[in-house]
Amino acid sequence: MSDFPWLSVLIALPLLGAVAVSVLPRDNEPLVKWFSFGVSTLVGVLALAMAAGFDAGGDRFQFTEKYWWIKEFGIHWALGVDGVALVLILLSVILVPLVMLASWNEDERSGGVDVPAKRSVKTYFALLLSLEAAMIGVFAATDVFLFYVFFEAMLIPVYFIIGHYGGGAARERSYAAVKFLLYSLFGGLLMLVSVIWLYPLSNKPVAEGGLGHGTFMFQELRGLHVDPTTAKWLFLGFFIAFAIKAPMVPVHTWLPTAAQQSPPGALVLIVGVLDKVGTYGMLRFCLELFPGASKWATPAVLVFAVISIIYGAILAIGQVDLKRLIAYTSVSHFGFIVLGIFAMTSQGQSGAALYMVNHGFSTGALFLLVGFMIVRRRSAKITDFGGVQKAAPVLAGTFLIAGLSGLSLPGLSPFVSEFLVLVGTFSRYKVAACFAVTGVVLAAIYVLWMYQRTMGGPKVPAVEGMKDLTAREKWAVAPIIAIIVAMGFFPQPVLHVINPSVKETLARVDRHDPAPTLTGNVAENGARP
């Protein structure tokens, strides 16, 4: 089975599933839903089977495939995963079937001024499967041009999901979808220029710093010698695209708008997985292809990361819409991830990679639960809730656990990653770490205040008789809560997979963890036994 094309199968299966869904009978909605759920579950099982064969101590890229795609331009269908890519693929394939389960009735009217009473079930589930294929492909691609293709392919299903299946008026949905598309396309075009630029650089003779042949293969491009000025321009082309996708301040404004108009189920994938492509790209491509330019840009990136942490948290406190609130918390959390990446320490980058996974599950749980609340109340406004814990205690209790994970409570998975990011940053950039800690305090404010206003206090009249979580909804959210708790106490298996990739990245940028400084009597007399 070592030669089995795991990654190609994982990409092809949901794509073929989307095609099959499109030809199923339109009036047989249960068949469409169960078939889509079955395909996504099968993809998850296959991905877990592949992950079981991953050797953390072996080659960096495993399950590799390489076939010519466009030979004239040195473009390959090249796939492979290292530890970071593997855990992000697992995040994707775990969330998709749970999102489908939670979105079982997404086709029905979920509140809104201009929302059709019934929307196409086939289209919605086919779009989710197509999105899953693109998400797996973007993390698995080891050809930079192929990565770009998947990077842009993700936009298509998301655009239609926001524009057609959101909960607002048609004009508002269209505005959010177009804004998302324009921001992403702008960043994508900048990255395309940098990607194409790599080809003539690699085609230069070896004596001039090239590779002697044109290529887009990531592993080969790591050996490219680019003059500092050119490297800075190429870095900026990649980084701006990834900063928009992440999203970072000041190119974050598409996210709250998209979050407010998106269906909650799909929003789990947009914020929980798609946005990770931005931070994954920074760690993989910016640092490793342009190590010198990355170090040059680090001071500015750290400033924007800290601003994102504080600015996103402050705006989250002032939101009146639940989906916008969680979207702004994600801006803050992504600031932590970028901070850990550009701290360029083993703790910081391991924490950042782990944070990508933990944030996906934590935010995924919050958006699923908010979606259940919106279905019951026909509103996402915080003021339309109150006293929910008296009417729906299981919903309130689960929401509390998900919320506490959002503020990185010890014992829940985000705590480990946030702690590693702060420790790793403090060892090299103390001022940035000190400012970033304020984000932890602000997180406690926006999470606890959100819970108090929605779940605590006297019951709002409209909340009377609110149904608690159904069996289907429990099955959708329970696995995520279990993962959050399990990884909070035992993150080592994931870190064991991530750490070798982090070491490779640090070696590429020629960075080492700062040596501890000894002061006072210890420095004079030597360390105590």
Protein backbone atom coordinates (compact mmCIF):
# COMPACT_ATOMS: atom_id res chain seq x y z
CA MET A 1 0.00 0.00 0.00
CA SER A 2 3.04 2.31 0.10
CA ASP A 3 2.49 3.21 -3.58
CA PHE A 4 -1.24 3.79 -3.16
CA PRO A 5 -2.14 7.34 -4.34
CA TRP A 6 -3.75 8.33 -1.07
CA LEU A 7 -3.86 12.06 -1.69
CA SER A 8 -5.17 11.86 -5.24
CA VAL A 9 -7.94 9.57 -4.04
CA LEU A 10 -8.80 11.93 -1.17
CA ILE A 11 -9.10 14.81 -3.64
CA ALA A 12 -10.96 12.87 -6.33
CA LEU A 13 -13.49 11.17 -4.05
CA PRO A 14 -15.39 14.28 -2.85
CA LEU A 15 -15.10 15.82 -6.32
CA LEU A 16 -16.68 12.75 -7.90
CA GLY A 17 -19.20 12.74 -5.08
CA ALA A 18 -20.19 16.30 -5.97
CA VAL A 19 -20.71 15.25 -9.59
CA ALA A 20 -22.79 12.25 -8.49
CA VAL A 21 -24.90 14.43 -6.20
CA SER A 22 -25.67 16.74 -9.11
CA VAL A 23 -27.28 13.90 -11.08
CA LEU A 24 -29.29 12.42 -8.20
CA PRO A 25 -33.07 12.92 -8.32
CA ARG A 26 -33.92 16.45 -7.24
CA ASP A 27 -37.00 15.42 -5.29
CA ASN A 28 -35.18 12.77 -3.23
CA GLU A 29 -33.57 15.03 -0.64
CA PRO A 30 -32.85 12.31 1.97
CA LEU A 31 -30.84 10.37 -0.64
CA VAL A 32 -28.82 13.49 -1.52
CA LYS A 33 -28.04 14.21 2.13
CA TRP A 34 -27.15 10.65 3.12
CA PHE A 35 -25.06 10.11 0.00
CA SER A 36 -23.09 13.34 0.59
CA PHE A 37 -22.62 12.50 4.25
CA GLY A 38 -21.48 9.00 3.33
CA VAL A 39 -18.91 10.30 0.83
CA SER A 40 -17.48 12.81 3.31
CA THR A 41 -17.36 10.15 6.04
CA LEU A 42 -15.53 7.76 3.71
CA VAL A 43 -13.02 10.52 2.92
CA GLY A 44 -12.48 11.01 6.65
CA VAL A 45 -11.94 7.30 7.23
CA LEU A 46 -9.43 7.07 4.37
CA ALA A 47 -7.57 10.14 5.63
CA LEU A 48 -7.30 8.63 9.11
CA ALA A 49 -6.04 5.37 7.56
CA MET A 50 -3.42 7.34 5.63
CA ALA A 51 -2.41 9.27 8.76
CA ALA A 52 -1.88 6.00 10.63
CA GLY A 53 0.95 5.23 8.21
CA PHE A 54 2.69 8.59 8.63
CA ASP A 55 6.17 8.26 10.15
CA ALA A 56 7.00 11.42 12.10
CA GLY A 57 10.65 10.40 12.15
CA GLY A 58 10.83 9.60 8.44
CA ASP A 59 11.07 11.73 5.32
CA ARG A 60 9.58 15.18 5.62
CA PHE A 61 7.11 14.71 2.74
CA GLN A 62 5.32 11.39 2.67
CA PHE A 63 2.60 9.78 0.49
CA THR A 64 4.21 11.69 -2.36
CA GLU A 65 2.96 11.63 -5.94
CA LYS A 66 4.51 13.34 -8.94
CA TYR A 67 3.21 13.32 -12.50
CA TRP A 68 3.75 15.72 -15.37
CA TRP A 69 0.81 18.06 -15.86
CA ILE A 70 2.07 20.84 -18.19
CA LYS A 71 5.55 19.68 -19.11
CA GLU A 72 6.38 22.71 -21.26
CA PHE A 73 6.18 24.95 -18.18
CA GLY A 74 7.59 22.55 -15.62
CA ILE A 75 4.23 22.11 -13.86
CA HIS A 76 3.52 18.84 -12.05
CA TRP A 77 0.58 17.19 -10.38
CA ALA A 78 2.71 16.83 -7.26
CA LEU A 79 1.28 15.94 -3.86
CA GLY A 80 2.75 15.10 -0.48
CA VAL A 81 2.26 15.96 3.18
CA ASP A 82 4.52 16.86 6.04
CA GLY A 83 3.30 16.98 9.63
CA VAL A 84 1.67 20.41 9.41
CA ALA A 85 -0.16 19.65 6.16
CA LEU A 86 -1.30 16.28 7.51
CA VAL A 87 -2.98 17.68 10.63
CA LEU A 88 -4.70 20.41 8.60
CA ILE A 89 -6.05 17.82 6.15
CA LEU A 90 -7.34 15.80 9.11
CA LEU A 91 -8.97 18.97 10.49
CA SER A 92 -10.74 19.43 7.14
CA VAL A 93 -12.01 15.89 6.71
CA ILE A 94 -13.25 15.69 10.31
CA LEU A 95 -15.20 18.95 10.09
CA VAL A 96 -16.90 18.39 6.72
CA PRO A 97 -19.17 15.44 7.70
CA LEU A 98 -19.99 17.16 11.00
CA VAL A 99 -20.93 20.33 9.12
CA MET A 100 -23.17 18.28 6.82
CA LEU A 101 -24.84 16.70 9.82
CA ALA A 102 -25.39 20.09 11.42
CA SER A 103 -26.63 21.56 8.11
CA TRP A 104 -29.17 18.82 7.46
CA ASN A 105 -31.99 21.34 7.11
CA GLU A 106 -29.90 24.22 5.73
CA ASP A 107 -32.06 24.29 2.63
CA GLU A 108 -35.04 25.45 4.69
CA ARG A 109 -35.70 29.07 5.51
CA SER A 110 -33.45 30.09 8.44
CA GLY A 111 -34.57 33.67 8.85
CA GLY A 112 -33.95 36.65 6.64
CA VAL A 113 -35.76 39.29 4.69
CA ASP A 114 -35.32 37.93 1.21
CA VAL A 115 -34.44 34.26 1.66
CA PRO A 116 -36.29 31.74 -0.52
CA ALA A 117 -38.57 29.39 1.40
CA LYS A 118 -36.74 26.45 -0.13
CA ARG A 119 -33.28 26.24 -1.63
CA SER A 120 -31.57 23.50 -3.59
CA VAL A 121 -30.33 20.69 -1.36
CA LYS A 122 -28.33 19.16 -4.20
CA THR A 123 -26.43 22.35 -4.91
CA TYR A 124 -25.57 23.03 -1.27
CA PHE A 125 -24.18 19.58 -0.54
CA ALA A 126 -22.39 19.41 -3.90
CA LEU A 127 -20.70 22.73 -3.08
CA LEU A 128 -19.58 21.38 0.30
CA LEU A 129 -18.04 18.31 -1.33
CA SER A 130 -16.30 20.44 -3.96
CA LEU A 131 -14.94 22.65 -1.22
CA GLU A 132 -13.61 19.61 0.64
CA ALA A 133 -11.68 18.49 -2.45
CA ALA A 134 -10.10 21.93 -2.85
CA MET A 135 -9.17 22.12 0.85
CA ILE A 136 -7.39 18.76 0.74
CA GLY A 137 -5.63 19.74 -2.48
CA VAL A 138 -4.34 23.08 -1.20
CA PHE A 139 -2.68 21.46 1.82
CA ALA A 140 -1.34 18.51 -0.17
CA ALA A 141 0.13 20.35 -3.17
CA THR A 142 3.94 20.34 -3.38
CA ASP A 143 4.03 22.10 -6.73
CA VAL A 144 3.66 25.86 -6.14
CA PHE A 145 1.58 26.39 -9.28
CA LEU A 146 -0.73 23.52 -8.31
CA PHE A 147 -1.04 25.09 -4.85
CA TYR A 148 -2.16 28.32 -6.52
CA VAL A 149 -4.77 26.46 -8.57
CA PHE A 150 -6.32 24.93 -5.46
CA PHE A 151 -5.94 28.26 -3.61
CA GLU A 152 -8.17 29.93 -6.20
CA ALA A 153 -10.47 26.93 -6.70
CA MET A 154 -11.67 27.25 -3.11
CA LEU A 155 -13.21 30.61 -3.94
CA ILE A 156 -15.83 29.18 -6.30
CA PRO A 157 -17.94 27.07 -3.90
CA VAL A 158 -17.56 29.62 -1.09
CA TYR A 159 -18.78 32.44 -3.33
CA PHE A 160 -21.97 30.56 -4.22
CA ILE A 161 -22.54 29.37 -0.64
CA ILE A 162 -22.37 32.92 0.73
CA GLY A 163 -24.33 34.47 -2.12
CA HIS A 164 -27.17 31.96 -2.22
CA TYR A 165 -27.41 30.22 1.15
CA GLY A 166 -26.81 33.07 3.57
CA GLY A 167 -29.46 34.36 5.93
CA GLY A 168 -29.70 38.03 4.98
CA ALA A 169 -31.43 39.90 2.18
CA ALA A 170 -30.36 39.04 -1.37
CA ARG A 171 -28.55 42.35 -1.77
CA GLU A 172 -26.60 41.85 1.47
CA ARG A 173 -25.66 38.28 0.55
CA SER A 174 -24.47 39.38 -2.87
CA TYR A 175 -22.42 42.20 -1.37
CA ALA A 176 -20.74 39.83 1.11
CA ALA A 177 -20.01 37.24 -1.60
CA VAL A 178 -18.57 39.79 -4.02
CA LYS A 179 -16.49 41.43 -1.29
CA PHE A 180 -15.05 38.06 -0.31
CA LEU A 181 -14.31 37.27 -3.95
CA LEU A 182 -12.66 40.61 -4.77
CA TYR A 183 -10.42 40.57 -1.71
CA SER A 184 -9.36 37.00 -2.40
CA LEU A 185 -8.85 37.57 -6.13
CA PHE A 186 -6.71 40.64 -5.46
CA GLY A 187 -4.44 38.66 -3.17
CA GLY A 188 -4.47 35.71 -5.54
CA LEU A 189 -3.38 37.84 -8.50
CA LEU A 190 -0.45 39.22 -6.51
CA MET A 191 0.56 35.70 -5.61
CA LEU A 192 0.19 34.57 -9.24
CA VAL A 193 2.70 37.20 -10.33
CA SER A 194 5.18 35.90 -7.74
CA VAL A 195 4.49 32.27 -8.70
CA ILE A 196 5.12 32.94 -12.39
CA TRP A 197 8.23 34.95 -11.54
CA LEU A 198 9.72 31.85 -9.91
CA TYR A 199 9.88 30.01 -13.23
CA PRO A 200 12.45 32.20 -15.05
CA LEU A 201 14.46 32.49 -11.85
CA SER A 202 14.67 28.71 -11.54
CA ASN A 203 15.49 28.42 -15.25
CA LYS A 204 18.71 30.41 -14.84
CA PRO A 205 22.03 28.55 -14.89
CA VAL A 206 23.25 27.19 -11.58
CA ALA A 207 26.20 29.60 -11.69
CA GLU A 208 23.73 32.50 -11.64
CA GLY A 209 21.77 31.15 -8.69
CA GLY A 210 19.15 29.24 -10.68
CA LEU A 211 18.47 25.53 -10.90
CA GLY A 212 19.31 25.06 -14.57
CA HIS A 213 15.70 24.18 -15.44
CA GLY A 214 12.33 25.79 -14.96
CA THR A 215 10.21 24.26 -12.21
CA PHE A 216 7.51 24.98 -9.65
CA MET A 217 8.39 22.08 -7.34
CA PHE A 218 8.56 23.34 -3.77
CA GLN A 219 11.46 21.15 -2.68
CA GLU A 220 13.57 22.25 -5.62
CA LEU A 221 12.69 25.93 -5.26
CA ARG A 222 14.01 25.84 -1.70
CA GLY A 223 17.48 25.64 -3.26
CA LEU A 224 16.95 28.75 -5.38
CA HIS A 225 19.28 31.71 -4.75
CA VAL A 226 17.38 34.95 -5.32
CA ASP A 227 18.91 38.39 -4.96
CA PRO A 228 17.59 40.21 -1.83
CA THR A 229 15.59 42.88 -3.65
CA THR A 230 13.78 40.38 -5.87
CA ALA A 231 13.16 38.10 -2.89
CA LYS A 232 11.46 40.94 -1.01
CA TRP A 233 9.06 41.59 -3.89
CA LEU A 234 8.28 37.90 -4.25
CA PHE A 235 7.76 37.61 -0.50
CA LEU A 236 5.30 40.50 -0.53
CA GLY A 237 3.32 38.93 -3.37
CA PHE A 238 2.86 35.74 -1.39
CA PHE A 239 2.48 37.38 2.02
CA ILE A 240 -0.26 39.86 1.05
CA ALA A 241 -2.32 37.03 -0.47
CA PHE A 242 -1.90 34.98 2.70
CA ALA A 243 -2.59 37.96 4.98
CA ILE A 244 -5.91 38.53 3.21
CA LYS A 245 -6.81 34.88 3.50
CA ALA A 246 -5.75 34.66 7.17
CA PRO A 247 -7.20 37.44 7.72
CA MET A 248 -4.89 40.06 9.25
CA VAL A 249 -5.51 43.72 9.99
CA PRO A 250 -5.91 45.83 7.83
CA VAL A 251 -7.06 43.39 5.10
CA HIS A 252 -9.55 41.58 7.35
CA THR A 253 -12.77 43.46 6.63
CA TRP A 254 -14.18 40.83 4.27
CA LEU A 255 -14.48 38.29 7.12
CA PRO A 256 -17.07 39.95 9.42
CA THR A 257 -19.23 40.77 6.40
CA ALA A 258 -18.97 37.23 5.03
CA ALA A 259 -19.56 35.74 8.48
CA GLN A 260 -22.74 37.72 9.02
CA GLN A 261 -24.23 36.55 5.71
CA SER A 262 -22.94 32.96 5.53
CA PRO A 263 -24.88 29.90 6.70
CA PRO A 264 -23.33 28.82 10.04
CA GLY A 265 -22.42 25.34 8.81
CA ALA A 266 -20.40 26.56 5.86
CA LEU A 267 -18.93 29.28 8.07
CA VAL A 268 -17.27 26.54 10.12
CA LEU A 269 -15.26 25.62 7.02
CA ILE A 270 -14.60 29.21 5.92
CA VAL A 271 -13.13 30.32 9.26
CA GLY A 272 -12.10 26.93 10.61
CA VAL A 273 -10.21 25.67 7.54
CA LEU A 274 -10.01 28.09 4.60
CA ASP A 275 -8.48 30.89 6.64
CA LYS A 276 -5.75 28.48 7.79
CA VAL A 277 -4.49 28.41 4.21
CA GLY A 278 -3.18 31.92 4.86
CA THR A 279 -1.14 31.06 7.93
CA TYR A 280 -0.12 27.71 6.45
CA GLY A 281 1.16 29.54 3.37
CA MET A 282 3.19 31.94 5.51
CA LEU A 283 4.82 29.06 7.36
CA ARG A 284 5.41 26.94 4.28
CA PHE A 285 6.09 29.29 1.37
CA CYS A 286 7.04 32.71 2.76
CA LEU A 287 9.57 31.47 5.29
CA GLU A 288 11.04 28.61 3.30
CA LEU A 289 11.20 30.10 -0.20
CA PHE A 290 12.26 33.57 0.94
CA PRO A 291 14.05 33.17 4.29
CA GLY A 292 16.05 36.39 4.02
CA ALA A 293 13.01 38.48 3.05
CA SER A 294 11.02 36.87 5.86
CA LYS A 295 13.58 38.02 8.42
CA TRP A 296 13.60 41.46 6.81
CA ALA A 297 9.80 41.73 7.14
CA THR A 298 9.55 40.23 10.63
CA PRO A 299 9.43 43.51 12.64
CA ALA A 300 6.55 44.87 10.56
CA VAL A 301 4.69 41.54 10.56
CA LEU A 302 4.96 41.29 14.35
CA VAL A 303 3.51 44.79 14.72
CA PHE A 304 0.52 43.91 12.51
CA ALA A 305 0.08 40.59 14.36
CA VAL A 306 -0.11 42.36 17.73
CA ILE A 307 -2.51 44.95 16.30
CA SER A 308 -4.70 42.11 14.97
CA ILE A 309 -4.75 40.47 18.41
CA ILE A 310 -5.82 43.60 20.27
CA TYR A 311 -7.96 45.24 17.58
CA GLY A 312 -9.91 42.05 16.81
CA ALA A 313 -10.57 41.43 20.51
CA ILE A 314 -11.75 44.99 21.19
CA LEU A 315 -14.13 44.94 18.21
CA ALA A 316 -15.45 41.53 19.28
CA ILE A 317 -16.47 43.02 22.64
CA GLY A 318 -18.61 45.64 20.92
CA GLN A 319 -20.53 43.37 18.51
CA VAL A 320 -24.28 42.82 18.73
CA ASP A 321 -24.38 40.00 16.14
CA LEU A 322 -23.15 36.58 17.29
CA LYS A 323 -21.58 35.60 13.97
CA ARG A 324 -19.74 38.92 13.63
CA LEU A 325 -18.53 38.60 17.21
CA ILE A 326 -16.97 35.19 16.60
CA ALA A 327 -15.52 36.43 13.31
CA TYR A 328 -13.68 39.24 15.11
CA THR A 329 -12.41 36.80 17.75
CA SER A 330 -10.88 34.87 14.85
CA VAL A 331 -9.06 38.00 13.66
CA SER A 332 -7.54 38.16 17.14
CA HIS A 333 -6.67 34.47 17.21
CA PHE A 334 -5.03 34.62 13.79
CA GLY A 335 -2.87 37.40 15.16
CA PHE A 336 -1.54 34.90 17.70
CA ILE A 337 -0.84 32.36 14.95
CA VAL A 338 1.08 34.86 12.81
CA LEU A 339 2.96 36.04 15.91
CA GLY A 340 4.09 32.47 16.61
CA ILE A 341 5.15 31.89 13.00
CA PHE A 342 7.31 35.00 12.76
CA ALA A 343 8.76 34.68 16.25
CA MET A 344 10.86 32.01 14.52
CA THR A 345 11.35 29.83 17.58
CA SER A 346 10.51 26.16 17.91
CA GLN A 347 7.92 26.82 20.63
CA GLY A 348 6.35 29.69 18.69
CA GLN A 349 6.03 27.86 15.40
CA SER A 350 4.91 24.57 16.96
CA GLY A 351 2.33 26.53 18.93
CA ALA A 352 1.20 28.37 15.79
CA ALA A 353 0.79 25.12 13.83
CA LEU A 354 -1.10 23.55 16.74
CA TYR A 355 -3.18 26.73 17.08
CA MET A 356 -4.35 26.32 13.47
CA VAL A 357 -5.86 22.96 14.38
CA ASN A 358 -7.21 23.99 17.78
CA HIS A 359 -8.78 27.17 16.45
CA GLY A 360 -10.51 25.18 13.72
CA PHE A 361 -12.22 22.94 16.26
CA SER A 362 -12.90 25.67 18.83
CA THR A 363 -14.39 28.14 16.37
CA GLY A 364 -16.14 25.31 14.55
CA ALA A 365 -17.97 24.32 17.72
CA LEU A 366 -18.97 27.94 18.40
CA PHE A 367 -20.34 28.51 14.90
CA LEU A 368 -22.27 25.22 14.92
CA LEU A 369 -23.88 26.08 18.26
CA VAL A 370 -24.65 29.64 17.15
CA GLY A 371 -26.26 28.14 14.06
CA PHE A 372 -28.50 25.96 16.22
CA MET A 373 -29.46 29.06 18.24
CA ILE A 374 -30.24 31.06 15.11
CA VAL A 375 -32.51 28.30 13.77
CA ARG A 376 -34.48 28.33 17.02
CA ARG A 377 -34.66 32.10 17.50
CA ARG A 378 -34.65 33.20 13.83
CA SER A 379 -32.08 35.83 14.79
CA ALA A 380 -28.34 36.22 15.36
CA LYS A 381 -28.64 39.33 17.53
CA ILE A 382 -27.38 38.92 21.09
CA THR A 383 -30.25 41.05 22.45
CA ASP A 384 -32.78 38.49 21.15
CA PHE A 385 -31.42 35.88 23.56
CA GLY A 386 -31.29 35.64 27.33
CA GLY A 387 -31.85 32.90 29.87
CA VAL A 388 -31.24 30.14 27.30
CA GLN A 389 -29.58 27.94 29.95
CA LYS A 390 -32.95 27.60 31.70
CA ALA A 391 -34.74 26.51 28.56
CA ALA A 392 -31.96 24.50 26.87
CA PRO A 393 -29.32 23.46 29.46
CA VAL A 394 -27.40 21.07 27.17
CA LEU A 395 -27.09 23.75 24.50
CA ALA A 396 -25.94 26.27 27.11
CA GLY A 397 -23.44 23.89 28.69
CA THR A 398 -21.93 22.93 25.35
CA PHE A 399 -21.78 26.59 24.36
CA LEU A 400 -19.92 27.35 27.60
CA ILE A 401 -17.26 24.72 26.89
CA ALA A 402 -16.80 25.98 23.33
CA GLY A 403 -16.64 29.57 24.57
CA LEU A 404 -14.10 28.77 27.28
CA SER A 405 -11.94 27.09 24.66
CA GLY A 406 -12.09 30.38 22.76
CA LEU A 407 -10.52 32.19 25.71
CA SER A 408 -7.89 29.42 26.03
CA LEU A 409 -8.91 28.06 29.40
CA PRO A 410 -6.35 25.56 30.79
CA GLY A 411 -7.53 22.01 30.15
CA LEU A 412 -8.93 22.88 26.72
CA SER A 413 -6.86 22.56 23.55
CA PRO A 414 -6.32 26.25 22.56
CA PHE A 415 -4.56 26.90 25.88
CA VAL A 416 -1.59 24.71 24.95
CA SER A 417 -1.07 26.37 21.57
CA GLU A 418 -1.54 29.92 22.87
CA PHE A 419 0.87 29.27 25.74
CA LEU A 420 3.51 27.93 23.33
CA VAL A 421 3.10 30.96 21.06
CA LEU A 422 3.53 33.40 23.94
CA VAL A 423 6.51 31.55 25.43
CA GLY A 424 8.17 31.23 22.04
CA THR A 425 7.60 34.90 21.26
CA PHE A 426 8.76 36.12 24.68
CA SER A 427 12.08 34.32 24.34
CA ARG A 428 12.98 36.53 21.36
CA TYR A 429 10.53 39.48 21.21
CA LYS A 430 9.57 40.38 24.76
CA VAL A 431 7.73 43.62 23.97
CA ALA A 432 5.53 41.97 21.33
CA ALA A 433 4.70 39.11 23.71
CA CYS A 434 3.78 41.52 26.51
CA PHE A 435 1.37 43.40 24.27
CA ALA A 436 -0.06 40.13 22.95
CA VAL A 437 -0.93 38.98 26.48
CA THR A 438 -3.59 41.70 26.60
CA GLY A 439 -5.45 39.66 24.02
CA VAL A 440 -5.85 36.90 26.61
CA VAL A 441 -7.51 39.35 29.03
CA LEU A 442 -9.77 40.77 26.34
CA ALA A 443 -10.76 37.24 25.29
CA ALA A 444 -12.12 36.59 28.78
CA ILE A 445 -14.25 39.73 28.47
CA TYR A 446 -15.83 39.01 25.09
CA VAL A 447 -16.45 35.30 25.76
CA LEU A 448 -17.88 35.60 29.27
CA TRP A 449 -19.95 38.65 28.41
CA MET A 450 -21.34 36.89 25.34
CA TYR A 451 -22.29 33.89 27.46
CA GLN A 452 -23.83 36.04 30.18
CA ARG A 453 -26.00 38.00 27.75
CA THR A 454 -27.23 34.98 25.79
CA MET A 455 -27.38 32.13 28.29
CA GLY A 456 -27.68 33.82 31.68
CA GLY A 457 -30.10 36.29 33.22
CA PRO A 458 -33.88 36.28 32.97
CA LYS A 459 -35.43 34.46 30.07
CA VAL A 460 -36.45 36.56 27.10
CA PRO A 461 -40.14 35.80 26.35
CA ALA A 462 -39.27 34.44 22.91
CA VAL A 463 -36.84 31.96 24.49
CA GLU A 464 -39.65 30.31 26.44
CA GLY A 465 -40.06 26.79 25.12
CA MET A 466 -36.79 26.83 23.14
CA LYS A 467 -35.86 23.25 22.26
CA ASP A 468 -32.63 21.78 23.54
CA LEU A 469 -30.13 20.07 21.24
CA THR A 470 -31.62 17.22 19.22
CA ALA A 471 -29.86 13.87 18.82
CA ARG A 472 -28.58 14.89 15.38
CA GLU A 473 -27.19 18.16 16.70
CA LYS A 474 -25.49 16.39 19.60
CA TRP A 475 -23.82 13.98 17.19
CA ALA A 476 -22.62 16.97 15.14
CA VAL A 477 -21.01 18.88 17.99
CA ALA A 478 -20.01 16.14 20.49
CA PRO A 479 -16.94 14.90 18.52
CA ILE A 480 -15.56 18.44 18.35
CA ILE A 481 -16.03 19.00 22.08
CA ALA A 482 -14.37 15.64 22.78
CA ILE A 483 -11.36 16.61 20.63
CA ILE A 484 -11.08 19.99 22.35
CA VAL A 485 -10.98 18.34 25.78
CA ALA A 486 -8.72 15.45 24.75
CA MET A 487 -6.15 17.70 23.08
CA GLY A 488 -6.28 20.04 26.04
CA PHE A 489 -4.88 17.32 28.28
CA PHE A 490 -2.84 15.35 25.75
CA PRO A 491 -1.58 17.40 22.77
CA GLN A 492 1.65 15.43 22.41
CA PRO A 493 0.54 13.17 19.51
CA VAL A 494 -0.19 16.20 17.33
CA LEU A 495 2.96 18.04 18.43
CA HIS A 496 4.99 14.90 17.70
CA VAL A 497 3.79 15.05 14.09
CA ILE A 498 4.23 18.84 13.76
CA ASN A 499 7.65 19.35 15.35
CA PRO A 500 9.87 17.79 12.62
CA SER A 501 8.38 20.13 10.01
CA VAL A 502 8.92 23.11 12.30
CA LYS A 503 12.59 22.16 12.71
CA GLU A 504 12.98 22.03 8.93
CA THR A 505 11.48 25.50 8.60
CA LEU A 506 13.71 26.98 11.31
CA ALA A 507 16.77 25.41 9.72
CA ARG A 508 15.80 26.94 6.37
CA VAL A 509 15.53 30.48 7.84
CA ASP A 510 18.72 29.86 9.84
CA ARG A 511 17.06 30.53 13.17
CA HIS A 512 17.75 28.84 16.49
CA ASP A 513 16.02 29.15 19.84
CA PRO A 514 17.64 31.89 21.94
CA ALA A 515 19.92 30.51 24.63
CA PRO A 516 18.65 31.11 28.17
CA THR A 517 20.40 33.98 29.94
CA LEU A 518 21.72 33.49 33.47
CA THR A 519 21.95 36.48 35.76
CA GLY A 520 22.96 37.24 39.30
CA ASN A 521 24.51 34.59 41.53
CA VAL A 522 23.56 31.80 39.14
CA ALA A 523 25.60 33.37 36.34
CA GLU A 524 28.55 33.92 38.66
CA ASN A 525 28.56 30.61 40.47
CA GLY A 526 27.16 28.36 37.80
CA ALA A 527 23.79 26.63 37.59
CA ARG A 528 22.71 24.77 40.69
CA PRO A 529 22.53 20.99 40.48
